[in-house]
Structure formats: C-alpha cells, structure tokens
C-alpha cells in the first residue's frame, strides 16, 4: 500500500510543481485567441451572404475583424473586406457583426457599407512610410448599389464609375492594404 501511494504521489507532484512559465501561459492564450479569430473568419466567409459575395467577386480580397476580442461585449465588432482594383482603386466593405463567444459563429448586426477610393499617387517619406494621395472618384454606397453592381456582373459603371484599367499607380500593390 505504501509503495502504491508513493508511486501515485511521485506521478502527481511533478505536474503540480512544474507550472507553465509566464511566457508559456501567454503563448497558449495567444494561440487560443488566434484559433478563435481564424474560426470566426472562416465562419463569416461562409455564413454572411454579402461577405461571400465580396470574396467570390474579388478572390484576392483580404478579410479581417476589427475589435475581435469577444470578451469586450460593449465594443461593436466590424467585418472588413478589402480589395485592390486595377492597381489604382480600393474597395472596402464594412459590416457590423455579432460573434458568439462560445461557438465563434458570426452573424450580421446591421447593414454593410462600401467605400470606393481612387489612389492618385504614392510617395515615401525618408523613414519608408508611404504617403497616399487620393483623388476622384470616391464613392460611399450601400446594399442596394452593391446588388445592382452584382446584377450587372461586377460592372463598376452600374455605380456610375468609369475606371482606368491600364493606368496603375507605381507602388500600389505594396501599399493598397493601408489605403
């Protein structure tokens, strides 16, 4: 009996004495947060029709969630989808969303808004920071205009925009995600 107790004691005590280091605990929390964020992104791409439409229309678009930590319930979360177009334009969609804190399922919490901007030029400061100069056209629109755009096969003229297809801005591909 004493031998059995000693064996149990020796197998349990090291686990009690060897706790995670602060770095290991932080890394685990970061990994868990990243896994929840990625699960929410994957769900949103499939569960929110307007997001799925954006991703299908612009396969090279990027998607991210602003104010992700689900633990801060007062902060509204925003789904963002962005794409660069013809090396000169940026289209951004933002949608208020809800994220279930347990399942990471994403649902709409409002209507999407869209912003279309034209980049005229990009220069760089001595520290390497880009300075983006915007021009015309610029357009803010909603779901009705988005539907019209899709109905016309992704034709920007449905939004009243005539785009330059063969006039990319030097450096655009390197910085459009910051536009």
N, C-alpha and C. Protein backbone atom coordinates (compact mmCIF):
# COMPACT_ATOMS: atom_id res chain seq x y z
N UNK A 1 0.82 -1.19 0.00
CA UNK A 1 0.00 0.00 0.00
C UNK A 1 0.87 1.26 0.00
N UNK A 2 1.96 1.24 0.82
CA UNK A 2 2.85 2.40 0.85
C UNK A 2 3.50 2.62 -0.51
N UNK A 3 3.86 1.55 -1.17
CA UNK A 3 4.50 1.66 -2.48
C UNK A 3 3.54 2.29 -3.49
N UNK A 4 2.28 1.88 -3.44
CA UNK A 4 1.28 2.41 -4.35
C UNK A 4 1.07 3.91 -4.10
N UNK A 5 1.00 4.31 -2.84
CA UNK A 5 0.84 5.73 -2.51
C UNK A 5 2.05 6.53 -2.97
N UNK A 6 3.23 5.98 -2.78
CA UNK A 6 4.44 6.67 -3.20
C UNK A 6 4.47 6.84 -4.72
N UNK A 7 4.07 5.82 -5.45
CA UNK A 7 4.04 5.89 -6.91
C UNK A 7 3.04 6.95 -7.36
N UNK A 8 1.85 6.98 -6.78
CA UNK A 8 0.83 7.98 -7.13
C UNK A 8 1.35 9.37 -6.78
N UNK A 9 1.94 9.51 -5.58
CA UNK A 9 2.48 10.79 -5.14
C UNK A 9 3.56 11.30 -6.10
N UNK A 10 4.48 10.44 -6.48
CA UNK A 10 5.56 10.84 -7.37
C UNK A 10 5.07 11.15 -8.79
N UNK A 11 3.97 10.55 -9.20
CA UNK A 11 3.48 10.84 -10.55
C UNK A 11 2.64 12.12 -10.59
N UNK A 12 2.07 12.55 -9.49
CA UNK A 12 1.23 13.75 -9.45
C UNK A 12 2.03 14.99 -9.07
N UNK A 13 2.94 14.89 -8.11
CA UNK A 13 3.67 16.04 -7.60
C UNK A 13 4.46 16.79 -8.68
N UNK A 14 5.18 16.14 -9.56
CA UNK A 14 5.92 16.92 -10.56
C UNK A 14 5.02 17.81 -11.41
N UNK A 15 3.80 17.33 -11.74
CA UNK A 15 2.88 18.16 -12.52
C UNK A 15 2.42 19.37 -11.72
N UNK A 16 2.30 19.22 -10.43
CA UNK A 16 1.89 20.34 -9.59
C UNK A 16 3.01 21.36 -9.43
N UNK A 17 4.24 20.87 -9.40
CA UNK A 17 5.38 21.75 -9.18
C UNK A 17 5.84 22.44 -10.46
N UNK A 18 5.61 21.81 -11.60
CA UNK A 18 6.07 22.38 -12.86
C UNK A 18 4.89 23.09 -13.52
N UNK A 19 4.67 24.32 -13.14
CA UNK A 19 3.60 25.13 -13.74
C UNK A 19 4.13 25.78 -15.00
N UNK A 20 3.20 26.22 -15.83
CA UNK A 20 3.59 26.96 -17.02
C UNK A 20 4.38 28.19 -16.63
N UNK A 21 5.38 28.48 -17.41
CA UNK A 21 6.08 29.75 -17.23
C UNK A 21 5.14 30.85 -17.70
N UNK A 22 5.36 32.10 -17.30
CA UNK A 22 4.51 33.19 -17.81
C UNK A 22 4.52 33.26 -19.33
N UNK A 23 5.67 32.98 -19.94
CA UNK A 23 5.76 33.01 -21.39
C UNK A 23 4.91 31.90 -22.02
N UNK A 24 4.93 30.69 -21.41
CA UNK A 24 4.13 29.59 -21.93
C UNK A 24 2.64 29.89 -21.79
N UNK A 25 2.25 30.45 -20.67
CA UNK A 25 0.84 30.79 -20.44
C UNK A 25 0.38 31.86 -21.44
N UNK A 26 1.21 32.86 -21.68
CA UNK A 26 0.88 33.90 -22.65
C UNK A 26 0.80 33.32 -24.06
N UNK A 27 1.74 32.46 -24.42
CA UNK A 27 1.73 31.84 -25.75
C UNK A 27 0.47 31.02 -25.94
N UNK A 28 0.06 30.29 -24.92
CA UNK A 28 -1.15 29.47 -25.01
C UNK A 28 -2.38 30.36 -25.22
N UNK A 29 -2.45 31.48 -24.48
CA UNK A 29 -3.58 32.41 -24.64
C UNK A 29 -3.58 33.03 -26.04
N UNK A 30 -2.41 33.39 -26.54
CA UNK A 30 -2.31 33.95 -27.89
C UNK A 30 -2.75 32.92 -28.91
N UNK A 31 -2.31 31.68 -28.76
CA UNK A 31 -2.70 30.60 -29.68
C UNK A 31 -4.22 30.38 -29.65
N UNK A 32 -4.80 30.39 -28.46
CA UNK A 32 -6.25 30.21 -28.33
C UNK A 32 -6.99 31.37 -29.00
N UNK A 33 -6.52 32.59 -28.78
CA UNK A 33 -7.13 33.77 -29.39
C UNK A 33 -7.05 33.68 -30.92
N UNK A 34 -5.89 33.31 -31.43
CA UNK A 34 -5.70 33.18 -32.88
C UNK A 34 -6.60 32.11 -33.46
N UNK A 35 -6.76 31.00 -32.76
CA UNK A 35 -7.63 29.92 -33.24
C UNK A 35 -9.09 30.39 -33.27
N UNK A 36 -9.53 31.12 -32.24
CA UNK A 36 -10.90 31.65 -32.21
C UNK A 36 -11.11 32.66 -33.33
N UNK A 37 -10.12 33.54 -33.55
CA UNK A 37 -10.20 34.54 -34.61
C UNK A 37 -10.32 33.87 -35.98
N UNK A 38 -9.46 32.89 -36.23
CA UNK A 38 -9.49 32.18 -37.51
C UNK A 38 -10.79 31.42 -37.71
N UNK A 39 -11.35 30.86 -36.64
CA UNK A 39 -12.64 30.17 -36.73
C UNK A 39 -13.75 31.16 -37.07
N UNK A 40 -13.72 32.34 -36.47
CA UNK A 40 -14.72 33.36 -36.77
C UNK A 40 -14.59 33.84 -38.21
N UNK A 41 -13.36 34.04 -38.68
CA UNK A 41 -13.15 34.45 -40.08
C UNK A 41 -13.70 33.40 -41.04
N UNK A 42 -13.39 32.15 -40.80
CA UNK A 42 -13.87 31.08 -41.67
C UNK A 42 -15.39 31.02 -41.65
N UNK A 43 -15.99 31.18 -40.48
CA UNK A 43 -17.44 31.14 -40.40
C UNK A 43 -18.07 32.32 -41.13
N UNK A 44 -17.52 33.52 -40.92
CA UNK A 44 -18.07 34.71 -41.56
C UNK A 44 -18.02 34.64 -43.08
N UNK A 45 -16.95 34.08 -43.62
CA UNK A 45 -16.84 33.96 -45.07
C UNK A 45 -17.94 33.08 -45.65
N UNK A 46 -18.43 32.14 -44.87
CA UNK A 46 -19.49 31.25 -45.33
C UNK A 46 -20.88 31.67 -44.87
N UNK A 47 -20.98 32.25 -43.70
CA UNK A 47 -22.29 32.49 -43.09
C UNK A 47 -22.93 33.82 -43.48
N UNK A 48 -22.14 34.79 -43.88
CA UNK A 48 -22.70 36.11 -44.20
C UNK A 48 -22.72 36.26 -45.72
N UNK A 49 -23.92 36.28 -46.31
CA UNK A 49 -24.02 36.29 -47.77
C UNK A 49 -23.24 37.42 -48.44
N UNK A 50 -23.30 38.64 -47.94
CA UNK A 50 -22.62 39.75 -48.60
C UNK A 50 -21.10 39.57 -48.54
N UNK A 51 -20.61 38.95 -47.49
CA UNK A 51 -19.17 38.66 -47.39
C UNK A 51 -18.79 37.59 -48.41
N UNK A 52 -19.61 36.55 -48.52
CA UNK A 52 -19.35 35.51 -49.51
C UNK A 52 -19.37 36.08 -50.92
N UNK A 53 -20.31 36.99 -51.18
CA UNK A 53 -20.40 37.63 -52.49
C UNK A 53 -19.12 38.43 -52.79
N UNK A 54 -18.67 39.20 -51.80
CA UNK A 54 -17.46 40.01 -51.97
C UNK A 54 -16.26 39.11 -52.27
N UNK A 55 -16.11 38.05 -51.49
CA UNK A 55 -14.98 37.13 -51.66
C UNK A 55 -15.04 36.45 -53.03
N UNK A 56 -16.23 36.11 -53.49
CA UNK A 56 -16.37 35.49 -54.81
C UNK A 56 -16.07 36.49 -55.92
N UNK A 57 -16.56 37.71 -55.78
CA UNK A 57 -16.34 38.73 -56.81
C UNK A 57 -14.87 39.15 -56.87
N UNK A 58 -14.21 39.18 -55.71
CA UNK A 58 -12.82 39.62 -55.62
C UNK A 58 -11.99 38.55 -54.89
N UNK A 59 -11.58 37.51 -55.60
CA UNK A 59 -10.89 36.38 -54.95
C UNK A 59 -9.59 36.76 -54.23
N UNK A 60 -8.96 37.86 -54.61
CA UNK A 60 -7.71 38.26 -53.96
C UNK A 60 -7.95 39.24 -52.80
N UNK A 61 -9.20 39.39 -52.40
CA UNK A 61 -9.52 40.32 -51.32
C UNK A 61 -9.00 39.81 -49.99
N UNK A 62 -8.87 40.74 -49.05
CA UNK A 62 -8.47 40.37 -47.69
C UNK A 62 -9.66 40.61 -46.78
N UNK A 63 -9.69 39.88 -45.67
CA UNK A 63 -10.81 39.95 -44.73
C UNK A 63 -10.23 39.97 -43.32
N UNK A 64 -10.80 40.82 -42.48
CA UNK A 64 -10.36 40.86 -41.09
C UNK A 64 -11.49 41.41 -40.22
N UNK A 65 -11.39 41.16 -38.93
CA UNK A 65 -12.40 41.60 -37.98
C UNK A 65 -11.78 42.63 -37.06
N UNK A 66 -12.41 43.80 -37.01
CA UNK A 66 -11.96 44.85 -36.08
C UNK A 66 -12.61 44.61 -34.73
N UNK A 67 -11.87 44.89 -33.69
CA UNK A 67 -12.37 44.76 -32.30
C UNK A 67 -12.78 43.32 -32.02
N UNK A 68 -11.91 42.38 -32.33
CA UNK A 68 -12.27 40.97 -32.20
C UNK A 68 -12.48 40.48 -30.79
N UNK A 69 -11.69 40.81 -29.80
CA UNK A 69 -11.84 40.08 -28.53
C UNK A 69 -13.29 40.04 -28.07
N UNK A 70 -13.84 38.84 -28.04
CA UNK A 70 -15.23 38.65 -27.69
C UNK A 70 -15.48 39.00 -26.23
N UNK A 71 -14.42 39.04 -25.43
CA UNK A 71 -14.56 39.34 -24.01
C UNK A 71 -14.97 40.79 -23.75
N UNK A 72 -14.85 41.68 -24.75
CA UNK A 72 -15.24 43.08 -24.56
C UNK A 72 -16.60 43.29 -25.21
N UNK A 73 -17.68 42.99 -24.47
CA UNK A 73 -19.02 42.97 -25.08
C UNK A 73 -19.55 44.33 -25.53
N UNK A 74 -19.04 45.42 -24.98
CA UNK A 74 -19.57 46.73 -25.35
C UNK A 74 -19.06 47.23 -26.69
N UNK A 75 -17.95 46.70 -27.15
CA UNK A 75 -17.35 47.15 -28.40
C UNK A 75 -18.00 46.42 -29.58
N UNK A 76 -18.52 47.17 -30.52
CA UNK A 76 -19.09 46.58 -31.73
C UNK A 76 -17.97 45.99 -32.57
N UNK A 77 -18.20 44.82 -33.11
CA UNK A 77 -17.25 44.21 -33.99
C UNK A 77 -17.61 44.54 -35.43
N UNK A 78 -16.59 44.74 -36.25
CA UNK A 78 -16.80 45.11 -37.64
C UNK A 78 -16.06 44.12 -38.53
N UNK A 79 -16.79 43.54 -39.48
CA UNK A 79 -16.18 42.71 -40.51
C UNK A 79 -15.69 43.65 -41.60
N UNK A 80 -14.47 43.46 -42.05
CA UNK A 80 -13.88 44.26 -43.11
C UNK A 80 -13.44 43.36 -44.25
N UNK A 81 -13.81 43.73 -45.46
CA UNK A 81 -13.31 43.07 -46.66
C UNK A 81 -12.77 44.17 -47.55
N UNK A 82 -11.58 43.96 -48.10
CA UNK A 82 -10.94 44.97 -48.95
C UNK A 82 -10.29 44.31 -50.15
N UNK A 83 -10.26 45.08 -51.23
CA UNK A 83 -9.56 44.60 -52.41
C UNK A 83 -8.98 45.77 -53.19
N UNK A 84 -7.86 45.52 -53.81
CA UNK A 84 -7.27 46.46 -54.74
C UNK A 84 -7.78 46.16 -56.14
N UNK A 85 -8.03 47.21 -56.93
CA UNK A 85 -8.61 47.03 -58.25
C UNK A 85 -7.78 47.82 -59.27
N UNK A 86 -7.34 47.13 -60.33
CA UNK A 86 -6.61 47.75 -61.44
C UNK A 86 -5.37 48.52 -61.00
N UNK A 87 -4.81 48.19 -59.87
CA UNK A 87 -3.58 48.85 -59.42
C UNK A 87 -3.74 50.32 -59.08
N UNK A 88 -5.00 50.75 -58.79
CA UNK A 88 -5.23 52.17 -58.56
C UNK A 88 -6.41 52.45 -57.62
N UNK A 89 -7.32 51.48 -57.45
CA UNK A 89 -8.53 51.71 -56.66
C UNK A 89 -8.59 50.72 -55.49
N UNK A 90 -9.29 51.15 -54.43
CA UNK A 90 -9.50 50.27 -53.28
C UNK A 90 -10.99 50.26 -52.97
N UNK A 91 -11.56 49.07 -52.85
CA UNK A 91 -12.94 48.91 -52.44
C UNK A 91 -12.94 48.24 -51.07
N UNK A 92 -13.63 48.88 -50.14
CA UNK A 92 -13.74 48.36 -48.77
C UNK A 92 -15.20 48.15 -48.42
N UNK A 93 -15.50 47.02 -47.82
CA UNK A 93 -16.83 46.75 -47.28
C UNK A 93 -16.69 46.58 -45.77
N UNK A 94 -17.59 47.20 -45.02
CA UNK A 94 -17.62 47.02 -43.58
C UNK A 94 -19.03 46.62 -43.16
N UNK A 95 -19.10 45.62 -42.29
CA UNK A 95 -20.38 45.10 -41.83
C UNK A 95 -20.33 44.91 -40.32
N UNK A 96 -21.28 45.51 -39.58
CA UNK A 96 -21.35 45.23 -38.14
C UNK A 96 -21.74 43.76 -37.94
N UNK A 97 -21.05 43.09 -37.05
CA UNK A 97 -21.32 41.66 -36.81
C UNK A 97 -21.43 41.36 -35.33
N UNK A 98 -22.01 40.21 -35.05
CA UNK A 98 -22.01 39.63 -33.70
C UNK A 98 -21.22 38.33 -33.79
N UNK A 99 -20.50 38.02 -32.72
CA UNK A 99 -19.75 36.76 -32.67
C UNK A 99 -20.15 36.04 -31.39
N UNK A 100 -20.64 34.83 -31.54
CA UNK A 100 -20.99 34.03 -30.36
C UNK A 100 -19.70 33.69 -29.62
N UNK A 101 -19.60 34.02 -28.32
CA UNK A 101 -18.35 33.82 -27.58
C UNK A 101 -17.99 32.35 -27.36
N UNK A 102 -18.95 31.45 -27.51
CA UNK A 102 -18.66 30.03 -27.31
C UNK A 102 -18.34 29.34 -28.63
N UNK A 103 -19.22 29.54 -29.62
CA UNK A 103 -19.06 28.80 -30.88
C UNK A 103 -18.26 29.55 -31.94
N UNK A 104 -18.02 30.87 -31.74
CA UNK A 104 -17.36 31.73 -32.72
C UNK A 104 -18.17 31.87 -34.01
N UNK A 105 -19.46 31.58 -33.96
CA UNK A 105 -20.33 31.77 -35.12
C UNK A 105 -20.56 33.25 -35.31
N UNK A 106 -20.54 33.68 -36.56
CA UNK A 106 -20.67 35.09 -36.91
C UNK A 106 -22.04 35.34 -37.53
N UNK A 107 -22.67 36.45 -37.14
CA UNK A 107 -23.95 36.84 -37.74
C UNK A 107 -23.98 38.35 -37.94
N UNK A 108 -24.85 38.79 -38.85
CA UNK A 108 -24.99 40.21 -39.13
C UNK A 108 -25.58 40.95 -37.94
N UNK A 109 -25.14 42.19 -37.79
CA UNK A 109 -25.70 43.07 -36.76
C UNK A 109 -25.97 44.46 -37.35
N UNK A 110 -26.25 44.49 -38.65
CA UNK A 110 -26.51 45.75 -39.33
C UNK A 110 -26.28 45.60 -40.81
N UNK A 111 -26.38 46.71 -41.52
CA UNK A 111 -26.21 46.70 -42.98
C UNK A 111 -24.78 47.01 -43.37
N UNK A 112 -24.32 46.42 -44.47
CA UNK A 112 -22.97 46.72 -44.94
C UNK A 112 -22.89 48.11 -45.56
N UNK A 113 -21.71 48.68 -45.47
CA UNK A 113 -21.40 49.92 -46.18
C UNK A 113 -20.16 49.67 -47.02
N UNK A 114 -20.06 50.40 -48.11
CA UNK A 114 -18.96 50.22 -49.06
C UNK A 114 -18.31 51.58 -49.31
N UNK A 115 -17.00 51.56 -49.42
CA UNK A 115 -16.25 52.76 -49.77
C UNK A 115 -15.30 52.43 -50.91
N UNK A 116 -15.41 53.22 -51.95
CA UNK A 116 -14.56 53.07 -53.13
C UNK A 116 -13.69 54.31 -53.20
N UNK A 117 -12.37 54.14 -53.25
CA UNK A 117 -11.46 55.28 -53.35
C UNK A 117 -10.49 55.07 -54.49
N UNK A 118 -10.04 56.19 -55.02
CA UNK A 118 -9.06 56.20 -56.09
C UNK A 118 -7.74 56.73 -55.54
N UNK A 119 -6.67 56.03 -55.82
CA UNK A 119 -5.34 56.46 -55.40
C UNK A 119 -4.69 57.16 -56.59
N UNK A 120 -4.31 58.43 -56.39
CA UNK A 120 -3.65 59.19 -57.47
C UNK A 120 -2.15 58.97 -57.49
N UNK A 121 -1.55 58.94 -56.30
CA UNK A 121 -0.09 58.77 -56.25
C UNK A 121 0.32 58.25 -54.88
N UNK A 122 1.52 57.69 -54.86
CA UNK A 122 2.12 57.21 -53.61
C UNK A 122 3.55 57.71 -53.59
N UNK A 123 3.91 58.37 -52.50
CA UNK A 123 5.30 58.79 -52.29
C UNK A 123 5.75 58.22 -50.96
N UNK A 124 7.05 58.23 -50.73
CA UNK A 124 7.57 57.66 -49.50
C UNK A 124 8.34 58.72 -48.72
N UNK A 125 8.09 58.73 -47.41
CA UNK A 125 8.85 59.58 -46.51
C UNK A 125 10.24 58.98 -46.32
N UNK A 126 11.20 59.76 -45.80
CA UNK A 126 12.55 59.22 -45.58
C UNK A 126 12.57 57.97 -44.70
N UNK A 127 11.59 57.85 -43.79
CA UNK A 127 11.56 56.67 -42.91
C UNK A 127 10.91 55.46 -43.57
N UNK A 128 10.51 55.59 -44.85
CA UNK A 128 9.91 54.47 -45.58
C UNK A 128 8.40 54.41 -45.49
N UNK A 129 7.79 55.30 -44.74
CA UNK A 129 6.34 55.33 -44.60
C UNK A 129 5.70 55.86 -45.88
N UNK A 130 4.70 55.15 -46.44
CA UNK A 130 4.07 55.66 -47.65
C UNK A 130 3.10 56.81 -47.36
N UNK A 131 3.02 57.73 -48.30
CA UNK A 131 2.04 58.81 -48.25
C UNK A 131 1.14 58.61 -49.46
N UNK A 132 -0.13 58.36 -49.21
CA UNK A 132 -1.08 58.05 -50.28
C UNK A 132 -1.91 59.28 -50.58
N UNK A 133 -1.91 59.69 -51.84
CA UNK A 133 -2.69 60.84 -52.29
C UNK A 133 -3.94 60.30 -53.00
N UNK A 134 -5.10 60.67 -52.48
CA UNK A 134 -6.36 60.21 -53.06
C UNK A 134 -6.90 61.22 -54.05
N UNK A 135 -7.69 60.74 -55.00
CA UNK A 135 -8.32 61.61 -55.99
C UNK A 135 -9.74 61.16 -56.24
N UNK A 136 -10.22 61.47 -57.41
CA UNK A 136 -11.58 61.10 -57.81
C UNK A 136 -11.50 59.91 -58.76
N UNK A 137 -12.46 59.02 -58.76
CA UNK A 137 -13.70 59.09 -58.00
C UNK A 137 -13.56 58.51 -56.59
N UNK A 138 -14.45 58.96 -55.72
CA UNK A 138 -14.63 58.38 -54.41
C UNK A 138 -16.13 58.19 -54.22
N UNK A 139 -16.52 57.07 -53.64
CA UNK A 139 -17.94 56.79 -53.53
C UNK A 139 -18.21 55.99 -52.26
N UNK A 140 -19.24 56.39 -51.54
CA UNK A 140 -19.74 55.66 -50.37
C UNK A 140 -21.12 55.15 -50.77
N UNK A 141 -21.35 53.85 -50.63
CA UNK A 141 -22.65 53.31 -51.05
C UNK A 141 -23.08 52.15 -50.15
N UNK A 142 -24.33 51.70 -50.36
CA UNK A 142 -24.92 50.68 -49.50
C UNK A 142 -25.30 49.42 -50.25
N UNK A 143 -26.14 48.64 -49.61
CA UNK A 143 -26.51 47.31 -50.10
C UNK A 143 -27.26 47.37 -51.44
N UNK A 144 -28.12 48.37 -51.64
CA UNK A 144 -28.85 48.47 -52.90
C UNK A 144 -27.92 48.61 -54.09
N UNK A 145 -26.94 49.50 -53.95
CA UNK A 145 -25.97 49.70 -55.02
C UNK A 145 -25.11 48.46 -55.22
N UNK A 146 -24.75 47.78 -54.12
CA UNK A 146 -23.97 46.54 -54.21
C UNK A 146 -24.73 45.50 -55.04
N UNK A 147 -26.02 45.36 -54.76
CA UNK A 147 -26.83 44.39 -55.50
C UNK A 147 -26.88 44.74 -56.99
N UNK A 148 -27.03 46.02 -57.30
CA UNK A 148 -27.04 46.45 -58.69
C UNK A 148 -25.70 46.12 -59.36
N UNK A 149 -24.60 46.37 -58.65
CA UNK A 149 -23.26 46.04 -59.14
C UNK A 149 -23.16 44.55 -59.47
N UNK A 150 -23.65 43.71 -58.57
CA UNK A 150 -23.59 42.26 -58.80
C UNK A 150 -24.50 41.84 -59.95
N UNK A 151 -25.70 42.43 -60.01
CA UNK A 151 -26.63 42.11 -61.09
C UNK A 151 -26.05 42.43 -62.46
N UNK A 152 -25.20 43.43 -62.52
CA UNK A 152 -24.56 43.84 -63.78
C UNK A 152 -23.22 43.12 -63.97
N UNK A 153 -23.03 42.03 -63.26
CA UNK A 153 -21.84 41.20 -63.46
C UNK A 153 -20.56 41.83 -62.96
N UNK A 154 -20.64 42.66 -61.91
CA UNK A 154 -19.44 43.29 -61.37
C UNK A 154 -18.97 44.47 -62.20
N UNK A 155 -19.90 45.10 -62.89
CA UNK A 155 -19.58 46.24 -63.74
C UNK A 155 -19.66 47.53 -62.91
N UNK A 156 -18.53 48.20 -62.76
CA UNK A 156 -18.48 49.40 -61.94
C UNK A 156 -19.29 50.55 -62.53
N UNK A 157 -19.62 50.50 -63.81
CA UNK A 157 -20.45 51.55 -64.38
C UNK A 157 -21.86 51.51 -63.78
N UNK A 158 -22.26 50.37 -63.21
CA UNK A 158 -23.54 50.28 -62.52
C UNK A 158 -23.57 51.21 -61.30
N UNK A 159 -22.39 51.60 -60.83
CA UNK A 159 -22.28 52.53 -59.70
C UNK A 159 -21.96 53.95 -60.18
N UNK A 160 -21.97 54.13 -61.49
CA UNK A 160 -21.63 55.43 -62.05
C UNK A 160 -20.14 55.69 -62.12
N UNK A 161 -19.33 54.64 -62.07
CA UNK A 161 -17.88 54.78 -62.07
C UNK A 161 -17.30 54.35 -63.41
N UNK A 162 -16.45 55.16 -63.96
CA UNK A 162 -15.70 54.82 -65.16
C UNK A 162 -14.23 54.70 -64.73
N UNK A 163 -13.73 53.50 -64.72
CA UNK A 163 -12.41 53.24 -64.16
C UNK A 163 -11.33 53.15 -65.23
N UNK A 164 -10.14 53.59 -64.86
CA UNK A 164 -8.97 53.43 -65.71
C UNK A 164 -8.42 52.02 -65.46
N UNK A 165 -8.39 51.22 -66.50
CA UNK A 165 -7.92 49.84 -66.34
C UNK A 165 -6.43 49.70 -66.61
N UNK A 166 -5.87 50.59 -67.38
CA UNK A 166 -4.49 50.45 -67.82
C UNK A 166 -3.57 51.52 -67.27
N UNK A 167 -3.84 52.01 -66.09
CA UNK A 167 -3.05 53.10 -65.54
C UNK A 167 -2.75 52.86 -64.05
N UNK A 168 -2.01 51.79 -63.73
CA UNK A 168 -1.73 51.52 -62.32
C UNK A 168 -0.83 52.58 -61.70
N UNK A 169 -0.98 52.78 -60.42
CA UNK A 169 -0.15 53.73 -59.67
C UNK A 169 1.10 53.00 -59.19
N UNK A 170 2.30 53.52 -59.50
CA UNK A 170 3.53 52.87 -59.03
C UNK A 170 3.52 52.70 -57.50
N UNK A 171 3.81 51.49 -57.06
CA UNK A 171 3.86 51.19 -55.63
C UNK A 171 2.53 50.77 -55.03
N UNK A 172 1.46 50.77 -55.83
CA UNK A 172 0.12 50.47 -55.31
C UNK A 172 0.05 49.09 -54.67
N UNK A 173 0.55 48.08 -55.36
CA UNK A 173 0.44 46.72 -54.83
C UNK A 173 1.14 46.56 -53.49
N UNK A 174 2.16 47.35 -53.24
CA UNK A 174 2.89 47.25 -51.98
C UNK A 174 2.13 47.89 -50.82
N UNK A 175 1.23 48.84 -51.11
CA UNK A 175 0.61 49.60 -50.01
C UNK A 175 -0.90 49.67 -50.03
N UNK A 176 -1.60 49.07 -50.99
CA UNK A 176 -3.03 49.27 -51.06
C UNK A 176 -3.77 48.83 -49.81
N UNK A 177 -3.25 47.89 -49.08
CA UNK A 177 -3.92 47.42 -47.86
C UNK A 177 -3.91 48.48 -46.76
N UNK A 178 -3.08 49.52 -46.92
CA UNK A 178 -3.03 50.61 -45.95
C UNK A 178 -3.91 51.79 -46.38
N UNK A 179 -4.44 51.72 -47.59
CA UNK A 179 -5.19 52.85 -48.15
C UNK A 179 -6.48 53.10 -47.41
